[in-house]
Structures are given as C-alpha cells and as structure tokens.
N, C-alpha and C. Protein backbone atom coordinates (compact mmCIF):
# COMPACT_ATOMS: atom_id res chain seq x y z
N MET A 1 -13.04 -24.41 -76.67
CA MET A 1 -12.61 -23.46 -75.69
C MET A 1 -12.32 -22.14 -76.40
N LYS A 2 -12.76 -21.02 -75.78
CA LYS A 2 -12.56 -19.70 -76.38
C LYS A 2 -11.13 -19.25 -76.18
N ARG A 3 -10.59 -18.59 -77.18
CA ARG A 3 -9.25 -18.02 -77.08
C ARG A 3 -9.37 -16.54 -76.71
N LEU A 4 -8.44 -16.05 -75.94
CA LEU A 4 -8.40 -14.66 -75.53
C LEU A 4 -8.07 -13.78 -76.73
N GLN A 5 -8.84 -12.75 -76.94
CA GLN A 5 -8.61 -11.83 -78.05
C GLN A 5 -7.91 -10.57 -77.55
N ILE A 6 -6.74 -10.27 -78.05
CA ILE A 6 -6.00 -9.06 -77.70
C ILE A 6 -5.85 -8.23 -78.97
N ASN A 7 -6.47 -7.04 -78.98
CA ASN A 7 -6.40 -6.15 -80.14
C ASN A 7 -6.67 -6.88 -81.46
N GLY A 8 -7.68 -7.72 -81.45
CA GLY A 8 -8.06 -8.43 -82.67
C GLY A 8 -7.20 -9.65 -82.95
N SER A 9 -6.18 -9.90 -82.13
CA SER A 9 -5.31 -11.05 -82.33
C SER A 9 -5.74 -12.16 -81.39
N SER A 10 -5.66 -13.38 -81.86
CA SER A 10 -6.02 -14.51 -81.02
C SER A 10 -4.77 -15.14 -80.41
N ASP A 11 -3.64 -14.49 -80.53
CA ASP A 11 -2.38 -15.05 -80.05
C ASP A 11 -2.17 -14.67 -78.58
N GLN A 12 -2.34 -15.63 -77.69
CA GLN A 12 -2.17 -15.38 -76.27
C GLN A 12 -0.71 -15.10 -75.91
N SER A 13 0.20 -15.57 -76.72
CA SER A 13 1.61 -15.36 -76.38
C SER A 13 1.96 -13.87 -76.36
N GLU A 14 1.29 -13.06 -77.20
CA GLU A 14 1.53 -11.62 -77.17
C GLU A 14 1.11 -11.03 -75.82
N TYR A 15 0.01 -11.52 -75.32
CA TYR A 15 -0.47 -11.07 -74.01
C TYR A 15 0.51 -11.46 -72.91
N VAL A 16 0.98 -12.70 -72.96
CA VAL A 16 1.94 -13.19 -71.97
C VAL A 16 3.23 -12.38 -72.04
N LYS A 17 3.70 -12.10 -73.25
CA LYS A 17 4.92 -11.30 -73.41
C LYS A 17 4.72 -9.89 -72.84
N ALA A 18 3.58 -9.30 -73.12
CA ALA A 18 3.31 -7.95 -72.62
C ALA A 18 3.28 -7.94 -71.09
N CYS A 19 2.67 -8.93 -70.50
CA CYS A 19 2.62 -9.01 -69.04
C CYS A 19 4.01 -9.22 -68.46
N ALA A 20 4.80 -10.07 -69.09
CA ALA A 20 6.14 -10.35 -68.61
C ALA A 20 7.04 -9.11 -68.73
N ALA A 21 6.81 -8.29 -69.75
CA ALA A 21 7.65 -7.11 -69.98
C ALA A 21 7.23 -5.92 -69.11
N ALA A 22 6.03 -5.98 -68.56
CA ALA A 22 5.54 -4.86 -67.75
C ALA A 22 6.37 -4.71 -66.48
N ALA A 23 6.52 -3.46 -66.03
CA ALA A 23 7.27 -3.18 -64.82
C ALA A 23 6.56 -3.80 -63.61
N ARG A 24 7.33 -4.38 -62.76
CA ARG A 24 6.79 -4.99 -61.54
C ARG A 24 6.64 -3.92 -60.47
N PRO A 25 5.57 -3.99 -59.70
CA PRO A 25 5.43 -3.02 -58.62
C PRO A 25 6.51 -3.27 -57.56
N PRO A 26 6.91 -2.21 -56.87
CA PRO A 26 7.94 -2.40 -55.84
C PRO A 26 7.39 -3.24 -54.69
N LEU A 27 8.28 -3.93 -54.02
CA LEU A 27 7.88 -4.70 -52.85
C LEU A 27 7.49 -3.73 -51.74
N PRO A 28 6.50 -4.08 -50.95
CA PRO A 28 6.11 -3.18 -49.86
C PRO A 28 7.22 -3.07 -48.83
N VAL A 29 7.31 -1.90 -48.21
CA VAL A 29 8.29 -1.68 -47.16
C VAL A 29 7.82 -2.46 -45.93
N PRO A 30 8.68 -3.24 -45.33
CA PRO A 30 8.26 -4.03 -44.17
C PRO A 30 7.81 -3.13 -43.01
N TRP A 31 6.78 -3.60 -42.29
CA TRP A 31 6.27 -2.89 -41.12
C TRP A 31 7.24 -3.12 -39.98
N THR A 32 7.69 -2.04 -39.35
CA THR A 32 8.70 -2.15 -38.30
C THR A 32 8.08 -1.97 -36.92
N GLN A 33 8.87 -2.28 -35.92
CA GLN A 33 8.42 -2.06 -34.54
C GLN A 33 8.21 -0.56 -34.29
N GLU A 34 9.04 0.27 -34.91
CA GLU A 34 8.89 1.73 -34.79
C GLU A 34 7.56 2.18 -35.39
N ASP A 35 7.19 1.62 -36.54
CA ASP A 35 5.89 1.94 -37.16
C ASP A 35 4.76 1.53 -36.23
N GLU A 36 4.88 0.36 -35.64
CA GLU A 36 3.85 -0.13 -34.72
C GLU A 36 3.75 0.79 -33.50
N ARG A 37 4.89 1.23 -32.97
CA ARG A 37 4.90 2.13 -31.82
C ARG A 37 4.21 3.45 -32.15
N LYS A 38 4.51 3.99 -33.34
CA LYS A 38 3.89 5.25 -33.77
C LYS A 38 2.38 5.09 -33.90
N LEU A 39 1.96 3.96 -34.47
CA LEU A 39 0.53 3.70 -34.64
C LEU A 39 -0.17 3.63 -33.29
N LEU A 40 0.42 2.91 -32.37
CA LEU A 40 -0.18 2.78 -31.03
C LEU A 40 -0.23 4.13 -30.32
N THR A 41 0.80 4.96 -30.50
CA THR A 41 0.82 6.29 -29.89
C THR A 41 -0.30 7.14 -30.46
N ILE A 42 -0.45 7.13 -31.77
CA ILE A 42 -1.50 7.92 -32.42
C ILE A 42 -2.88 7.46 -31.97
N GLN A 43 -3.06 6.15 -31.84
CA GLN A 43 -4.37 5.62 -31.45
C GLN A 43 -4.73 5.99 -30.02
N SER A 44 -3.73 6.19 -29.17
CA SER A 44 -4.01 6.45 -27.77
C SER A 44 -4.08 7.94 -27.44
N GLU A 45 -3.65 8.81 -28.35
CA GLU A 45 -3.64 10.24 -28.09
C GLU A 45 -4.93 10.90 -28.53
N ASP A 46 -5.28 11.96 -27.82
CA ASP A 46 -6.35 12.83 -28.29
C ASP A 46 -5.74 13.74 -29.34
N ILE A 47 -6.36 13.80 -30.49
CA ILE A 47 -5.83 14.61 -31.59
C ILE A 47 -6.72 15.84 -31.74
N ASP A 48 -6.10 17.00 -31.76
CA ASP A 48 -6.85 18.24 -31.96
C ASP A 48 -7.46 18.25 -33.34
N LEU A 49 -8.65 18.82 -33.46
CA LEU A 49 -9.32 18.91 -34.75
C LEU A 49 -8.44 19.61 -35.78
N LYS A 50 -7.68 20.61 -35.35
CA LYS A 50 -6.85 21.37 -36.28
C LYS A 50 -5.79 20.49 -36.94
N ASP A 51 -5.47 19.35 -36.33
CA ASP A 51 -4.45 18.45 -36.86
C ASP A 51 -5.02 17.35 -37.75
N THR A 52 -6.29 17.48 -38.11
CA THR A 52 -6.93 16.47 -38.97
C THR A 52 -7.31 17.10 -40.31
N ALA A 53 -7.61 16.25 -41.26
CA ALA A 53 -8.06 16.73 -42.57
C ALA A 53 -9.35 17.53 -42.43
N LEU A 54 -10.23 17.10 -41.53
CA LEU A 54 -11.48 17.83 -41.31
C LEU A 54 -11.21 19.22 -40.76
N GLY A 55 -10.25 19.33 -39.85
CA GLY A 55 -9.89 20.63 -39.29
C GLY A 55 -9.30 21.56 -40.33
N VAL A 56 -8.45 21.01 -41.19
CA VAL A 56 -7.86 21.82 -42.27
C VAL A 56 -8.96 22.31 -43.20
N ALA A 57 -9.89 21.43 -43.56
CA ALA A 57 -10.98 21.81 -44.46
C ALA A 57 -11.86 22.88 -43.82
N ALA A 58 -12.14 22.74 -42.52
CA ALA A 58 -12.97 23.73 -41.82
C ALA A 58 -12.27 25.09 -41.81
N LYS A 59 -10.97 25.08 -41.57
CA LYS A 59 -10.22 26.34 -41.56
C LYS A 59 -10.22 26.99 -42.94
N GLN A 60 -10.08 26.18 -43.99
CA GLN A 60 -10.12 26.71 -45.35
C GLN A 60 -11.49 27.29 -45.68
N MET A 61 -12.55 26.61 -45.23
CA MET A 61 -13.90 27.13 -45.47
C MET A 61 -14.10 28.45 -44.73
N ALA A 62 -13.60 28.52 -43.49
CA ALA A 62 -13.73 29.76 -42.73
C ALA A 62 -13.00 30.90 -43.42
N ALA A 63 -11.81 30.61 -43.95
CA ALA A 63 -11.06 31.63 -44.68
C ALA A 63 -11.81 32.07 -45.93
N ALA A 64 -12.43 31.10 -46.61
CA ALA A 64 -13.18 31.43 -47.83
C ALA A 64 -14.38 32.31 -47.49
N VAL A 65 -15.07 32.00 -46.42
CA VAL A 65 -16.23 32.81 -46.01
C VAL A 65 -15.76 34.20 -45.63
N THR A 66 -14.66 34.28 -44.89
CA THR A 66 -14.12 35.58 -44.49
C THR A 66 -13.80 36.44 -45.70
N GLN A 67 -13.19 35.84 -46.70
CA GLN A 67 -12.81 36.58 -47.91
C GLN A 67 -14.00 36.98 -48.76
N ASN A 68 -15.12 36.25 -48.61
CA ASN A 68 -16.25 36.48 -49.50
C ASN A 68 -17.51 36.95 -48.77
N MET A 69 -17.37 37.51 -47.58
CA MET A 69 -18.53 37.98 -46.82
C MET A 69 -19.37 38.96 -47.63
N SER A 70 -18.71 39.83 -48.36
CA SER A 70 -19.45 40.84 -49.12
C SER A 70 -20.29 40.22 -50.24
N LYS A 71 -19.99 39.01 -50.61
CA LYS A 71 -20.73 38.36 -51.70
C LYS A 71 -21.92 37.54 -51.21
N LEU A 72 -22.03 37.38 -49.88
CA LEU A 72 -23.15 36.62 -49.32
C LEU A 72 -24.42 37.48 -49.35
N ASP A 73 -25.55 36.82 -49.54
CA ASP A 73 -26.81 37.56 -49.46
C ASP A 73 -27.14 37.79 -47.98
N ALA A 74 -28.09 38.67 -47.74
CA ALA A 74 -28.42 39.08 -46.38
C ALA A 74 -28.83 37.90 -45.51
N ASP A 75 -29.60 36.98 -46.05
CA ASP A 75 -30.07 35.82 -45.28
C ASP A 75 -28.89 34.94 -44.87
N SER A 76 -27.95 34.69 -45.79
CA SER A 76 -26.78 33.87 -45.48
C SER A 76 -25.91 34.53 -44.43
N ARG A 77 -25.71 35.84 -44.54
CA ARG A 77 -24.93 36.57 -43.53
C ARG A 77 -25.60 36.48 -42.16
N HIS A 78 -26.92 36.63 -42.15
CA HIS A 78 -27.67 36.56 -40.90
C HIS A 78 -27.51 35.18 -40.25
N LYS A 79 -27.64 34.11 -41.04
CA LYS A 79 -27.47 32.75 -40.51
C LYS A 79 -26.06 32.54 -39.98
N LEU A 80 -25.09 33.07 -40.68
CA LEU A 80 -23.71 32.95 -40.23
C LEU A 80 -23.51 33.66 -38.90
N LEU A 81 -24.03 34.86 -38.79
CA LEU A 81 -23.91 35.61 -37.54
C LEU A 81 -24.64 34.91 -36.39
N GLN A 82 -25.80 34.33 -36.68
CA GLN A 82 -26.52 33.58 -35.66
C GLN A 82 -25.69 32.38 -35.19
N SER A 83 -25.06 31.71 -36.14
CA SER A 83 -24.22 30.56 -35.81
C SER A 83 -23.04 30.97 -34.93
N LEU A 84 -22.40 32.08 -35.27
CA LEU A 84 -21.28 32.59 -34.46
C LEU A 84 -21.76 32.98 -33.06
N ALA A 85 -22.90 33.64 -32.98
CA ALA A 85 -23.44 34.04 -31.68
C ALA A 85 -23.73 32.81 -30.82
N GLN A 86 -24.31 31.79 -31.42
CA GLN A 86 -24.60 30.54 -30.70
C GLN A 86 -23.31 29.90 -30.21
N PHE A 87 -22.30 29.91 -31.04
CA PHE A 87 -21.00 29.35 -30.65
C PHE A 87 -20.45 30.07 -29.43
N TYR A 88 -20.49 31.39 -29.44
CA TYR A 88 -19.93 32.15 -28.33
C TYR A 88 -20.79 32.05 -27.07
N ARG A 89 -22.09 31.81 -27.22
CA ARG A 89 -22.94 31.60 -26.04
C ARG A 89 -22.57 30.28 -25.36
N GLU A 90 -22.30 29.24 -26.17
CA GLU A 90 -21.99 27.91 -25.63
C GLU A 90 -20.54 27.81 -25.17
N SER A 91 -19.68 28.66 -25.67
CA SER A 91 -18.25 28.60 -25.35
C SER A 91 -17.82 29.99 -24.89
N PRO A 92 -18.00 30.31 -23.59
CA PRO A 92 -17.79 31.68 -23.10
C PRO A 92 -16.43 32.27 -23.44
N ASP A 93 -15.37 31.45 -23.39
CA ASP A 93 -14.06 32.01 -23.71
C ASP A 93 -13.86 32.17 -25.21
N GLY A 94 -14.74 31.52 -26.00
CA GLY A 94 -14.67 31.64 -27.45
C GLY A 94 -13.46 30.97 -28.06
N GLU A 95 -12.74 30.19 -27.26
CA GLU A 95 -11.52 29.59 -27.76
C GLU A 95 -11.50 28.08 -27.65
N SER A 96 -12.36 27.49 -26.86
CA SER A 96 -12.23 26.07 -26.55
C SER A 96 -12.34 25.17 -27.78
N ASP A 97 -13.14 25.55 -28.74
CA ASP A 97 -13.31 24.69 -29.91
C ASP A 97 -12.84 25.35 -31.20
N VAL A 98 -12.13 26.44 -31.11
CA VAL A 98 -11.70 27.17 -32.30
C VAL A 98 -10.58 26.39 -32.98
N ILE A 99 -10.67 26.32 -34.28
CA ILE A 99 -9.67 25.58 -35.05
C ILE A 99 -8.45 26.44 -35.25
C-alpha cells in the first residue's frame, strides 16, 4: 500500500496534525422564515433593470461612452447615434426602458 507523501515526508501523522490544527469554517447561519419570506417576495416581484447587476454594468458602460465620445472613431459614433435613434423611435417617451 502506498503511503501519502507530505513535503517529502512519509509520515501521515504530520498531515493529520496539520488538518486537526487548521481553523474550522464557521457553521452556516440557519435559514429563517424571514429569509424565506424575503426570497419569495423577490421571486414574485418585477425587478427594474437598474436594480440588477446587468443594469449597473449598463449604466457604467453608458457613463464610460459619454466620457469618451471624443475618442471614438467616426464609424463607432455613427453606430452609437443610429442605436440611440432606433431606441427613441421604438420608445416615443424615451424613458420607458432607460436605466
């Protein structure tokens, strides 16, 4: 039978001692009825895009584009303007899907 090699040592007791001395992970916090209620509420609600990680990322990208418009080449600026124009054609008030 093969013996476990730890740092060139064949002494398994060192491994057992190291494992026994290692910090134990904390016990998980028990799931409560309040946690369950919050989960059910979140699952049943419509969540605005702005309240999601995707919405935050989209807003950050929009801010980055706004700050760097002068650095875009003409073709990229044109595509961006076309995209904005398309958005406003499909959303007359221009606010329904804005993050």
